[in-house]
Amino acid sequence: MTDGNLDSDFDSDFDSDSDHAVQPDGGYGTAPAAALESETGRETGSGVWYRQLLVVAETEYRLAVRGRWAIALTAIFAAFALGLTTFSGSSVSPQGFERTVASLAVLAVYLVPLVALAVSYDAVVGREESGWLQTLFALPVDRAWLVVGTALGRAVVLASATIIGFGVAGGFLVREHGLGGADAYVIFLLASVGLGLAFLAVGVLVSTLAREKTHALGLSLLVWAWFVLVHDLLGLGLIAALDLSETAVSALLLANPTGVFRALVLGSLGASGDAGFASILAQSGLSTGVLAAALLAWIVLPVGIAALAIRRRRL
């Protein structure tokens, strides 16, 4: 979608909001609903923010589809997952199914966060460098919904690619091993989507705070290295050096979305992991509901902080 088409979409949806106050940097704030109702004589509120959110999300989704990003992401996940399931050498049995899922979980811990950050690191700062963000800020749209809508549109693309890509490998596993371990694979698939959305949310936050696209890329790589590599090493060191309580170990786990993902998948397999921090995660004792809520928090909180931070961003 071109910038001109985007302008017309927003203008047609938000003509009724022309009384919004102009901000010092040329953007618009959102007038209180009561004030708009008194001036226009009709109800505003949820319909206004709902249209704002959907227009931005739809635009991001269409751009990703037209740019072949959706196809590329699906192909990446499918290629890695099929390669692992094809050459894993697991026996044809439910136990072989579970071992393959455990191997796929190890792959997902490295691959999914990296892909999610690659999708999201330029969500805001990239738009600013291309000049599109200035156009969006000039429209009568609340800045917070610009960020949330951008994250939502890209989240739909990433979630679809994850489900289809890993789902192809899941179909191959069902064909080879039967339905004996299908429930564990479904949990793995849903947890992979949650892991990807969590890192996408962190990437959107980094993109909102960074002033240049190269800075956002560097910070995203540091985020990936910290959560995927460094955090577990530090956790093992602390557990080995100190007699940490169960609460402290649980806090270490919940402070890392990859740890939450591992605990969810290993818990569904009823396995204690291979060694090291994986076995500690599996024995943490946290319920599936708590782990799912923690992963949801990792998705919602970074986007919420980014929505607040964008209000203070000056072009």
C-alpha atoms as a PDB file:
ATOM      1  CA  MET A   1       0.000   0.000   0.000  1.00  0.00           C
ATOM      2  CA  THR A   2       1.428   3.405  -0.947  1.00  0.00           C
ATOM      3  CA  ASP A   3       1.630   6.364   1.409  1.00  0.00           C
ATOM      4  CA  GLY A   4      -1.102   8.113  -0.573  1.00  0.00           C
ATOM      5  CA  ASN A   5      -3.484   5.189  -0.187  1.00  0.00           C
ATOM      6  CA  LEU A   6      -2.675   4.988   3.520  1.00  0.00           C
ATOM      7  CA  ASP A   7      -3.452   8.699   3.909  1.00  0.00           C
ATOM      8  CA  SER A   8      -6.818   8.278   2.205  1.00  0.00           C
ATOM      9  CA  ASP A   9      -7.671   5.269   4.377  1.00  0.00           C
ATOM     10  CA  PHE A  10      -6.946   7.167   7.549  1.00  0.00           C
ATOM     11  CA  ASP A  11      -8.649  10.343   6.355  1.00  0.00           C
ATOM     12  CA  SER A  12     -11.838   8.491   5.459  1.00  0.00           C
ATOM     13  CA  ASP A  13     -11.899   6.754   8.834  1.00  0.00           C
ATOM     14  CA  PHE A  14     -11.076   9.755  10.990  1.00  0.00           C
ATOM     15  CA  ASP A  15     -12.753  12.796   9.431  1.00  0.00           C
ATOM     16  CA  SER A  16     -14.892  13.027  12.554  1.00  0.00           C
ATOM     17  CA  ASP A  17     -11.759  13.570  14.688  1.00  0.00           C
ATOM     18  CA  SER A  18     -10.595  16.777  12.998  1.00  0.00           C
ATOM     19  CA  ASP A  19     -10.893  18.668  16.279  1.00  0.00           C
ATOM     20  CA  HIS A  20      -8.021  16.757  17.879  1.00  0.00           C
ATOM     21  CA  ALA A  21      -5.403  19.027  19.381  1.00  0.00           C
ATOM     22  CA  VAL A  22      -2.243  19.498  17.323  1.00  0.00           C
ATOM     23  CA  GLN A  23       0.924  18.615  19.229  1.00  0.00           C
ATOM     24  CA  PRO A  24       4.097  20.799  19.121  1.00  0.00           C
ATOM     25  CA  ASP A  25       5.836  18.358  16.773  1.00  0.00           C
ATOM     26  CA  GLY A  26       2.940  18.293  14.328  1.00  0.00           C
ATOM     27  CA  GLY A  27       1.235  15.151  15.615  1.00  0.00           C
ATOM     28  CA  TYR A  28      -2.230  14.812  17.080  1.00  0.00           C
ATOM     29  CA  GLY A  29      -3.416  13.923  20.518  1.00  0.00           C
ATOM     30  CA  THR A  30      -6.712  12.209  21.235  1.00  0.00           C
ATOM     31  CA  ALA A  31      -9.472  14.421  22.514  1.00  0.00           C
ATOM     32  CA  PRO A  32     -11.475  13.060  25.439  1.00  0.00           C
ATOM     33  CA  ALA A  33     -14.484  11.049  24.362  1.00  0.00           C
ATOM     34  CA  ALA A  34     -16.872  13.228  26.358  1.00  0.00           C
ATOM     35  CA  ALA A  35     -15.628  16.380  24.642  1.00  0.00           C
ATOM     36  CA  LEU A  36     -16.033  14.842  21.214  1.00  0.00           C
ATOM     37  CA  GLU A  37     -19.523  13.656  22.060  1.00  0.00           C
ATOM     38  CA  SER A  38     -20.560  17.119  23.186  1.00  0.00           C
ATOM     39  CA  GLU A  39     -19.149  18.762  20.050  1.00  0.00           C
ATOM     40  CA  THR A  40     -20.284  16.252  17.430  1.00  0.00           C
ATOM     41  CA  GLY A  41     -23.484  15.131  19.092  1.00  0.00           C
ATOM     42  CA  ARG A  42     -22.760  11.451  18.516  1.00  0.00           C
ATOM     43  CA  GLU A  43     -20.975   8.614  20.298  1.00  0.00           C
ATOM     44  CA  THR A  44     -17.239   8.140  19.790  1.00  0.00           C
ATOM     45  CA  GLY A  45     -15.010   6.021  22.025  1.00  0.00           C
ATOM     46  CA  SER A  46     -14.383   2.414  21.141  1.00  0.00           C
ATOM     47  CA  GLY A  47     -15.275   2.732  17.470  1.00  0.00           C
ATOM     48  CA  VAL A  48     -12.608   5.384  16.947  1.00  0.00           C
ATOM     49  CA  TRP A  49      -9.686   3.509  18.525  1.00  0.00           C
ATOM     50  CA  TYR A  50     -10.898   0.256  17.021  1.00  0.00           C
ATOM     51  CA  ARG A  51     -10.732   1.697  13.487  1.00  0.00           C
ATOM     52  CA  GLN A  52      -7.339   3.268  14.159  1.00  0.00           C
ATOM     53  CA  LEU A  53      -5.915  -0.028  15.364  1.00  0.00           C
ATOM     54  CA  LEU A  54      -7.327  -2.106  12.523  1.00  0.00           C
ATOM     55  CA  VAL A  55      -6.245   0.273   9.746  1.00  0.00           C
ATOM     56  CA  VAL A  56      -2.640   0.334  10.971  1.00  0.00           C
ATOM     57  CA  ALA A  57      -2.551  -3.436  11.558  1.00  0.00           C
ATOM     58  CA  GLU A  58      -4.048  -4.172   8.146  1.00  0.00           C
ATOM     59  CA  THR A  59      -1.534  -1.881   6.462  1.00  0.00           C
ATOM     60  CA  GLU A  60       1.399  -3.611   8.165  1.00  0.00           C
ATOM     61  CA  TYR A  61       0.028  -7.016   7.226  1.00  0.00           C
ATOM     62  CA  ARG A  62      -0.454  -6.062   3.576  1.00  0.00           C
ATOM     63  CA  LEU A  63       3.042  -4.616   3.348  1.00  0.00           C
ATOM     64  CA  ALA A  64       4.513  -7.826   4.759  1.00  0.00           C
ATOM     65  CA  VAL A  65       2.538  -9.972   2.331  1.00  0.00           C
ATOM     66  CA  ARG A  66       3.400  -7.810  -0.674  1.00  0.00           C
ATOM     67  CA  GLY A  67       7.040  -7.789   0.329  1.00  0.00           C
ATOM     68  CA  ARG A  68       7.039 -11.609   0.468  1.00  0.00           C
ATOM     69  CA  TRP A  69       8.036 -11.505   4.142  1.00  0.00           C
ATOM     70  CA  ALA A  70       5.240 -13.870   5.113  1.00  0.00           C
ATOM     71  CA  ILE A  71       6.327 -16.462   2.542  1.00  0.00           C
ATOM     72  CA  ALA A  72       9.994 -16.118   3.475  1.00  0.00           C
ATOM     73  CA  LEU A  73       9.340 -16.614   7.193  1.00  0.00           C
ATOM     74  CA  THR A  74       7.152 -19.636   6.560  1.00  0.00           C
ATOM     75  CA  ALA A  75       9.814 -21.159   4.329  1.00  0.00           C
ATOM     76  CA  ILE A  76      12.521 -20.605   6.968  1.00  0.00           C
ATOM     77  CA  PHE A  77      10.552 -22.328   9.718  1.00  0.00           C
ATOM     78  CA  ALA A  78       9.439 -25.178   7.464  1.00  0.00           C
ATOM     79  CA  ALA A  79      12.943 -25.801   6.096  1.00  0.00           C
ATOM     80  CA  PHE A  80      14.617 -25.977   9.505  1.00  0.00           C
ATOM     81  CA  ALA A  81      11.828 -28.015  11.095  1.00  0.00           C
ATOM     82  CA  LEU A  82      11.596 -30.490   8.224  1.00  0.00           C
ATOM     83  CA  GLY A  83      15.355 -30.864   8.117  1.00  0.00           C
ATOM     84  CA  LEU A  84      15.473 -31.668  11.814  1.00  0.00           C
ATOM     85  CA  THR A  85      12.550 -34.093  11.764  1.00  0.00           C
ATOM     86  CA  THR A  86      13.806 -35.843   8.623  1.00  0.00           C
ATOM     87  CA  PHE A  87      17.347 -36.456   9.856  1.00  0.00           C
ATOM     88  CA  SER A  88      16.679 -36.814  13.580  1.00  0.00           C
ATOM     89  CA  GLY A  89      16.759 -40.612  13.376  1.00  0.00           C
ATOM     90  CA  SER A  90      14.086 -41.076  16.054  1.00  0.00           C
ATOM     91  CA  SER A  91      12.345 -44.423  16.303  1.00  0.00           C
ATOM     92  CA  VAL A  92       8.787 -44.810  15.063  1.00  0.00           C
ATOM     93  CA  SER A  93       7.026 -44.635  18.423  1.00  0.00           C
ATOM     94  CA  PRO A  94       5.480 -42.069  20.783  1.00  0.00           C
ATOM     95  CA  GLN A  95       8.876 -41.835  22.489  1.00  0.00           C
ATOM     96  CA  GLY A  96      10.450 -40.985  19.136  1.00  0.00           C
ATOM     97  CA  PHE A  97       7.808 -38.314  18.639  1.00  0.00           C
ATOM     98  CA  GLU A  98       8.612 -36.738  21.998  1.00  0.00           C
ATOM     99  CA  ARG A  99      12.365 -36.804  21.386  1.00  0.00           C
ATOM    100  CA  THR A 100      11.838 -35.032  18.080  1.00  0.00           C
ATOM    101  CA  VAL A 101       9.655 -32.394  19.742  1.00  0.00           C
ATOM    102  CA  ALA A 102      12.377 -31.837  22.341  1.00  0.00           C
ATOM    103  CA  SER A 103      14.907 -31.356  19.536  1.00  0.00           C
ATOM    104  CA  LEU A 104      12.567 -28.925  17.775  1.00  0.00           C
ATOM    105  CA  ALA A 105      12.250 -26.978  21.036  1.00  0.00           C
ATOM    106  CA  VAL A 106      16.023 -26.532  21.124  1.00  0.00           C
ATOM    107  CA  LEU A 107      15.915 -25.278  17.532  1.00  0.00           C
ATOM    108  CA  ALA A 108      13.028 -22.908  18.278  1.00  0.00           C
ATOM    109  CA  VAL A 109      14.850 -21.316  21.228  1.00  0.00           C
ATOM    110  CA  TYR A 110      17.550 -20.062  18.849  1.00  0.00           C
ATOM    111  CA  LEU A 111      15.606 -19.531  15.627  1.00  0.00           C
ATOM    112  CA  VAL A 112      12.250 -18.062  16.646  1.00  0.00           C
ATOM    113  CA  PRO A 113      13.593 -15.129  18.750  1.00  0.00           C
ATOM    114  CA  LEU A 114      16.099 -14.218  16.045  1.00  0.00           C
ATOM    115  CA  VAL A 115      13.423 -14.172  13.341  1.00  0.00           C
ATOM    116  CA  ALA A 116      11.014 -12.225  15.574  1.00  0.00           C
ATOM    117  CA  LEU A 117      13.607  -9.535  16.285  1.00  0.00           C
ATOM    118  CA  ALA A 118      14.478  -9.325  12.586  1.00  0.00           C
ATOM    119  CA  VAL A 119      10.800  -8.706  11.832  1.00  0.00           C
ATOM    120  CA  SER A 120      10.308  -6.022  14.490  1.00  0.00           C
ATOM    121  CA  TYR A 121      13.551  -4.077  15.024  1.00  0.00           C
ATOM    122  CA  ASP A 122      12.660  -1.480  12.354  1.00  0.00           C
ATOM    123  CA  ALA A 123       8.948  -1.218  13.160  1.00  0.00           C
ATOM    124  CA  VAL A 124       9.162   2.410  14.342  1.00  0.00           C
ATOM    125  CA  VAL A 125      12.655   3.741  13.706  1.00  0.00           C
ATOM    126  CA  GLY A 126      12.667   2.293  10.199  1.00  0.00           C
ATOM    127  CA  ARG A 127       9.428   4.107   9.410  1.00  0.00           C
ATOM    128  CA  GLU A 128      10.957   7.323  10.723  1.00  0.00           C
ATOM    129  CA  GLU A 129      14.027   7.044   8.500  1.00  0.00           C
ATOM    130  CA  SER A 130      11.843   6.386   5.455  1.00  0.00           C
ATOM    131  CA  GLY A 131       9.677   9.426   6.206  1.00  0.00           C
ATOM    132  CA  TRP A 132       6.503   7.402   6.720  1.00  0.00           C
ATOM    133  CA  LEU A 133       6.330   8.046  10.454  1.00  0.00           C
ATOM    134  CA  GLN A 134       6.064  11.796   9.858  1.00  0.00           C
ATOM    135  CA  THR A 135       3.080  11.155   7.608  1.00  0.00           C
ATOM    136  CA  LEU A 136       1.398   8.981  10.214  1.00  0.00           C
ATOM    137  CA  PHE A 137       2.044  11.500  12.994  1.00  0.00           C
ATOM    138  CA  ALA A 138       0.376  14.197  10.880  1.00  0.00           C
ATOM    139  CA  LEU A 139      -2.867  12.199  10.781  1.00  0.00           C
ATOM    140  CA  PRO A 140      -5.523  12.435  13.519  1.00  0.00           C
ATOM    141  CA  VAL A 141      -4.483   9.101  15.004  1.00  0.00           C
ATOM    142  CA  ASP A 142      -3.434   8.438  18.567  1.00  0.00           C
ATOM    143  CA  ARG A 143       0.249   7.549  18.516  1.00  0.00           C
ATOM    144  CA  ALA A 144      -0.264   4.670  20.908  1.00  0.00           C
ATOM    145  CA  TRP A 145      -2.504   2.892  18.400  1.00  0.00           C
ATOM    146  CA  LEU A 146       0.134   3.365  15.718  1.00  0.00           C
ATOM    147  CA  VAL A 147       2.548   1.283  17.787  1.00  0.00           C
ATOM    148  CA  VAL A 148      -0.026  -1.295  18.875  1.00  0.00           C
ATOM    149  CA  GLY A 149      -1.385  -1.619  15.345  1.00  0.00           C
ATOM    150  CA  THR A 150       2.101  -2.031  13.896  1.00  0.00           C
ATOM    151  CA  ALA A 151       2.892  -4.737  16.433  1.00  0.00           C
ATOM    152  CA  LEU A 152      -0.440  -6.459  15.792  1.00  0.00           C
ATOM    153  CA  GLY A 153      -0.005  -6.536  12.026  1.00  0.00           C
ATOM    154  CA  ARG A 154       3.478  -7.973  12.232  1.00  0.00           C
ATOM    155  CA  ALA A 155       2.392 -10.399  14.960  1.00  0.00           C
ATOM    156  CA  VAL A 156      -0.240 -11.871  12.643  1.00  0.00           C
ATOM    157  CA  VAL A 157       2.416 -12.437   9.972  1.00  0.00           C
ATOM    158  CA  LEU A 158       4.873 -14.024  12.410  1.00  0.00           C
ATOM    159  CA  ALA A 159       2.266 -16.216  14.109  1.00  0.00           C
ATOM    160  CA  SER A 160       0.930 -17.453  10.764  1.00  0.00           C
ATOM    161  CA  ALA A 161       4.423 -18.260   9.509  1.00  0.00           C
ATOM    162  CA  THR A 162       5.262 -20.115  12.739  1.00  0.00           C
ATOM    163  CA  ILE A 163       2.090 -22.195  12.720  1.00  0.00           C
ATOM    164  CA  ILE A 164       2.312 -23.090   9.030  1.00  0.00           C
ATOM    165  CA  GLY A 165       6.074 -23.654   8.985  1.00  0.00           C
ATOM    166  CA  PHE A 166       6.255 -25.828  12.085  1.00  0.00           C
ATOM    167  CA  GLY A 167       2.849 -27.293  11.274  1.00  0.00           C
ATOM    168  CA  VAL A 168       4.241 -28.856   8.110  1.00  0.00           C
ATOM    169  CA  ALA A 169       6.831 -30.667  10.221  1.00  0.00           C
ATOM    170  CA  GLY A 170       4.087 -31.656  12.652  1.00  0.00           C
ATOM    171  CA  GLY A 171       2.121 -33.278   9.864  1.00  0.00           C
ATOM    172  CA  PHE A 172       5.210 -35.221   8.866  1.00  0.00           C
ATOM    173  CA  LEU A 173       5.656 -36.412  12.461  1.00  0.00           C
ATOM    174  CA  VAL A 174       2.024 -37.512  12.739  1.00  0.00           C
ATOM    175  CA  ARG A 175       2.416 -39.486   9.538  1.00  0.00           C
ATOM    176  CA  GLU A 176       5.544 -41.227  10.830  1.00  0.00           C
ATOM    177  CA  HIS A 177       4.674 -41.702  14.523  1.00  0.00           C
ATOM    178  CA  GLY A 178       0.890 -41.492  14.704  1.00  0.00           C
ATOM    179  CA  LEU A 179      -1.159 -39.342  17.069  1.00  0.00           C
ATOM    180  CA  GLY A 180       0.495 -40.600  20.251  1.00  0.00           C
ATOM    181  CA  GLY A 181       2.480 -37.397  20.874  1.00  0.00           C
ATOM    182  CA  ALA A 182       0.333 -34.917  18.953  1.00  0.00           C
ATOM    183  CA  ASP A 183      -0.796 -33.120  22.129  1.00  0.00           C
ATOM    184  CA  ALA A 184       2.819 -32.353  23.054  1.00  0.00           C
ATOM    185  CA  TYR A 185       3.416 -30.995  19.561  1.00  0.00           C
ATOM    186  CA  VAL A 186       0.384 -28.706  19.806  1.00  0.00           C
ATOM    187  CA  ILE A 187       1.740 -27.292  23.056  1.00  0.00           C
ATOM    188  CA  PHE A 188       5.139 -26.840  21.412  1.00  0.00           C
ATOM    189  CA  LEU A 189       3.500 -25.045  18.484  1.00  0.00           C
ATOM    190  CA  LEU A 190       1.502 -22.675  20.686  1.00  0.00           C
ATOM    191  CA  ALA A 191       4.508 -22.020  22.925  1.00  0.00           C
ATOM    192  CA  SER A 192       6.609 -21.240  19.830  1.00  0.00           C
ATOM    193  CA  VAL A 193       4.031 -18.674  18.730  1.00  0.00           C
ATOM    194  CA  GLY A 194       4.089 -17.122  22.206  1.00  0.00           C
ATOM    195  CA  LEU A 195       7.885 -17.041  22.230  1.00  0.00           C
ATOM    196  CA  GLY A 196       7.951 -15.328  18.849  1.00  0.00           C
ATOM    197  CA  LEU A 197       5.360 -12.742  19.876  1.00  0.00           C
ATOM    198  CA  ALA A 198       7.269 -12.003  23.087  1.00  0.00           C
ATOM    199  CA  PHE A 199      10.462 -11.214  21.189  1.00  0.00           C
ATOM    200  CA  LEU A 200       8.518  -9.294  18.555  1.00  0.00           C
ATOM    201  CA  ALA A 201       7.103  -7.133  21.352  1.00  0.00           C
ATOM    202  CA  VAL A 202      10.608  -6.552  22.745  1.00  0.00           C
ATOM    203  CA  GLY A 203      11.800  -5.670  19.234  1.00  0.00           C
ATOM    204  CA  VAL A 204       9.008  -3.099  18.845  1.00  0.00           C
ATOM    205  CA  LEU A 205      10.033  -1.552  22.170  1.00  0.00           C
ATOM    206  CA  VAL A 206      13.679  -1.386  21.067  1.00  0.00           C
ATOM    207  CA  SER A 207      12.614   0.184  17.770  1.00  0.00           C
ATOM    208  CA  THR A 208      10.578   2.801  19.627  1.00  0.00           C
ATOM    209  CA  LEU A 209      13.437   3.775  21.938  1.00  0.00           C
ATOM    210  CA  ALA A 210      16.249   3.728  19.353  1.00  0.00           C
ATOM    211  CA  ARG A 211      17.057   6.866  17.388  1.00  0.00           C
ATOM    212  CA  GLU A 212      18.637   5.146  14.390  1.00  0.00           C
ATOM    213  CA  LYS A 213      17.934   1.910  12.552  1.00  0.00           C
ATOM    214  CA  THR A 214      21.491   0.640  13.027  1.00  0.00           C
ATOM    215  CA  HIS A 215      21.211   1.228  16.771  1.00  0.00           C
ATOM    216  CA  ALA A 216      17.956  -0.751  16.853  1.00  0.00           C
ATOM    217  CA  LEU A 217      19.617  -3.625  15.002  1.00  0.00           C
ATOM    218  CA  GLY A 218      22.570  -3.682  17.399  1.00  0.00           C
ATOM    219  CA  LEU A 219      20.339  -3.554  20.464  1.00  0.00           C
ATOM    220  CA  SER A 220      18.166  -6.351  19.063  1.00  0.00           C
ATOM    221  CA  LEU A 221      21.213  -8.571  18.618  1.00  0.00           C
ATOM    222  CA  LEU A 222      22.243  -7.834  22.200  1.00  0.00           C
ATOM    223  CA  VAL A 223      18.730  -8.712  23.384  1.00  0.00           C
ATOM    224  CA  TRP A 224      18.919 -12.023  21.514  1.00  0.00           C
ATOM    225  CA  ALA A 225      22.355 -12.836  22.942  1.00  0.00           C
ATOM    226  CA  TRP A 226      21.267 -11.980  26.480  1.00  0.00           C
ATOM    227  CA  PHE A 227      18.053 -13.994  26.598  1.00  0.00           C
ATOM    228  CA  VAL A 228      19.193 -16.938  24.469  1.00  0.00           C
ATOM    229  CA  LEU A 229      22.802 -17.349  25.606  1.00  0.00           C
ATOM    230  CA  VAL A 230      23.935 -15.252  28.566  1.00  0.00           C
ATOM    231  CA  HIS A 231      20.942 -15.469  30.904  1.00  0.00           C
ATOM    232  CA  ASP A 232      21.079 -19.250  31.205  1.00  0.00           C
ATOM    233  CA  LEU A 233      24.824 -19.216  31.876  1.00  0.00           C
ATOM    234  CA  LEU A 234      24.379 -16.664  34.640  1.00  0.00           C
ATOM    235  CA  GLY A 235      21.468 -18.656  36.036  1.00  0.00           C
ATOM    236  CA  LEU A 236      23.555 -21.810  36.197  1.00  0.00           C
ATOM    237  CA  GLY A 237      26.392 -19.921  37.844  1.00  0.00           C
ATOM    238  CA  LEU A 238      24.130 -18.421  40.500  1.00  0.00           C
ATOM    239  CA  ILE A 239      22.485 -21.742  41.243  1.00  0.00           C
ATOM    240  CA  ALA A 240      25.863 -23.483  41.498  1.00  0.00           C
ATOM    241  CA  ALA A 241      27.421 -20.768  43.682  1.00  0.00           C
ATOM    242  CA  LEU A 242      24.465 -19.939  45.904  1.00  0.00           C
ATOM    243  CA  ASP A 243      21.832 -21.962  47.653  1.00  0.00           C
ATOM    244  CA  LEU A 244      18.913 -20.259  45.932  1.00  0.00           C
ATOM    245  CA  SER A 245      15.396 -20.791  47.150  1.00  0.00           C
ATOM    246  CA  GLU A 246      12.689 -22.202  44.905  1.00  0.00           C
ATOM    247  CA  THR A 247      11.195 -18.709  44.630  1.00  0.00           C
ATOM    248  CA  ALA A 248      14.492 -17.280  43.367  1.00  0.00           C
ATOM    249  CA  VAL A 249      14.860 -20.054  40.790  1.00  0.00           C
ATOM    250  CA  SER A 250      11.304 -19.436  39.614  1.00  0.00           C
ATOM    251  CA  ALA A 251      12.034 -15.713  39.321  1.00  0.00           C
ATOM    252  CA  LEU A 252      15.100 -16.486  37.189  1.00  0.00           C
ATOM    253  CA  LEU A 253      12.941 -18.623  34.927  1.00  0.00           C
ATOM    254  CA  LEU A 254      10.141 -16.066  34.556  1.00  0.00           C
ATOM    255  CA  ALA A 255      12.652 -13.283  33.820  1.00  0.00           C
ATOM    256  CA  ASN A 256      13.478 -14.929  30.502  1.00  0.00           C
ATOM    257  CA  PRO A 257      10.846 -15.758  27.851  1.00  0.00           C
ATOM    258  CA  THR A 258      13.028 -18.542  26.460  1.00  0.00           C
ATOM    259  CA  GLY A 259      13.086 -20.127  29.929  1.00  0.00           C
ATOM    260  CA  VAL A 260       9.298 -19.955  30.102  1.00  0.00           C
ATOM    261  CA  PHE A 261       9.096 -21.567  26.662  1.00  0.00           C
ATOM    262  CA  ARG A 262      11.435 -24.396  27.651  1.00  0.00           C
ATOM    263  CA  ALA A 263       9.530 -25.070  30.858  1.00  0.00           C
ATOM    264  CA  LEU A 264       6.241 -25.232  28.963  1.00  0.00           C
ATOM    265  CA  VAL A 265       7.538 -27.648  26.336  1.00  0.00           C
ATOM    266  CA  LEU A 266       9.539 -29.859  28.692  1.00  0.00           C
ATOM    267  CA  GLY A 267       6.606 -29.973  31.091  1.00  0.00           C
ATOM    268  CA  SER A 268       4.311 -31.181  28.312  1.00  0.00           C
ATOM    269  CA  LEU A 269       6.814 -33.923  27.473  1.00  0.00           C
ATOM    270  CA  GLY A 270       7.103 -35.012  31.083  1.00  0.00           C
ATOM    271  CA  ALA A 271      10.877 -34.866  30.679  1.00  0.00           C
ATOM    272  CA  SER A 272      13.552 -33.422  32.838  1.00  0.00           C
ATOM    273  CA  GLY A 273      15.606 -32.212  29.919  1.00  0.00           C
ATOM    274  CA  ASP A 274      19.047 -33.293  28.916  1.00  0.00           C
ATOM    275  CA  ALA A 275      21.260 -31.482  31.399  1.00  0.00           C
ATOM    276  CA  GLY A 276      22.114 -28.131  32.876  1.00  0.00           C
ATOM    277  CA  PHE A 277      19.576 -25.380  33.132  1.00  0.00           C
ATOM    278  CA  ALA A 278      16.991 -27.313  31.083  1.00  0.00           C
ATOM    279  CA  SER A 279      16.564 -29.870  33.851  1.00  0.00           C
ATOM    280  CA  ILE A 280      16.144 -27.092  36.411  1.00  0.00           C
ATOM    281  CA  LEU A 281      13.452 -25.494  34.281  1.00  0.00           C
ATOM    282  CA  ALA A 282      11.523 -28.728  33.965  1.00  0.00           C
ATOM    283  CA  GLN A 283      11.632 -29.230  37.747  1.00  0.00           C
ATOM    284  CA  SER A 284      10.686 -25.650  38.649  1.00  0.00           C
ATOM    285  CA  GLY A 285       7.204 -26.692  39.778  1.00  0.00           C
ATOM    286  CA  LEU A 286       5.454 -23.748  38.100  1.00  0.00           C
ATOM    287  CA  SER A 287       2.052 -24.632  36.679  1.00  0.00           C
ATOM    288  CA  THR A 288       1.197 -24.350  33.000  1.00  0.00           C
ATOM    289  CA  GLY A 289      -1.186 -21.495  33.775  1.00  0.00           C
ATOM    290  CA  VAL A 290       1.525 -19.472  35.502  1.00  0.00           C
ATOM    291  CA  LEU A 291       3.962 -20.072  32.654  1.00  0.00           C
ATOM    292  CA  ALA A 292       1.374 -19.113  30.033  1.00  0.00           C
ATOM    293  CA  ALA A 293       0.515 -15.952  31.975  1.00  0.00           C
ATOM    294  CA  ALA A 294       4.213 -15.049  32.167  1.00  0.00           C
ATOM    295  CA  LEU A 295       4.601 -15.474  28.406  1.00  0.00           C
ATOM    296  CA  LEU A 296       1.516 -13.307  27.865  1.00  0.00           C
ATOM    297  CA  ALA A 297       3.027 -10.630  30.110  1.00  0.00           C
ATOM    298  CA  TRP A 298       6.187 -10.694  27.985  1.00  0.00           C
ATOM    299  CA  ILE A 299       3.982  -9.944  24.979  1.00  0.00           C
ATOM    300  CA  VAL A 300       1.779  -7.233  26.470  1.00  0.00           C
ATOM    301  CA  LEU A 301       4.152  -5.231  28.679  1.00  0.00           C
ATOM    302  CA  PRO A 302       6.812  -4.286  26.065  1.00  0.00           C
ATOM    303  CA  VAL A 303       4.132  -3.166  23.608  1.00  0.00           C
ATOM    304  CA  GLY A 304       2.430  -1.170  26.360  1.00  0.00           C
ATOM    305  CA  ILE A 305       5.694   0.547  27.298  1.00  0.00           C
ATOM    306  CA  ALA A 306       6.389   1.274  23.624  1.00  0.00           C
ATOM    307  CA  ALA A 307       2.898   2.789  23.260  1.00  0.00           C
ATOM    308  CA  LEU A 308       3.685   5.141  26.139  1.00  0.00           C
ATOM    309  CA  ALA A 309       7.189   5.952  24.888  1.00  0.00           C
ATOM    310  CA  ILE A 310       6.003   6.876  21.386  1.00  0.00           C
ATOM    311  CA  ARG A 311       4.031   9.789  22.835  1.00  0.00           C
ATOM    312  CA  ARG A 312       7.307  11.432  23.877  1.00  0.00           C
ATOM    313  CA  ARG A 313       9.159  10.744  20.642  1.00  0.00           C
ATOM    314  CA  ARG A 314      10.079  13.833  18.663  1.00  0.00           C
ATOM    315  CA  LEU A 315      10.947  13.697  14.987  1.00  0.00           C
END
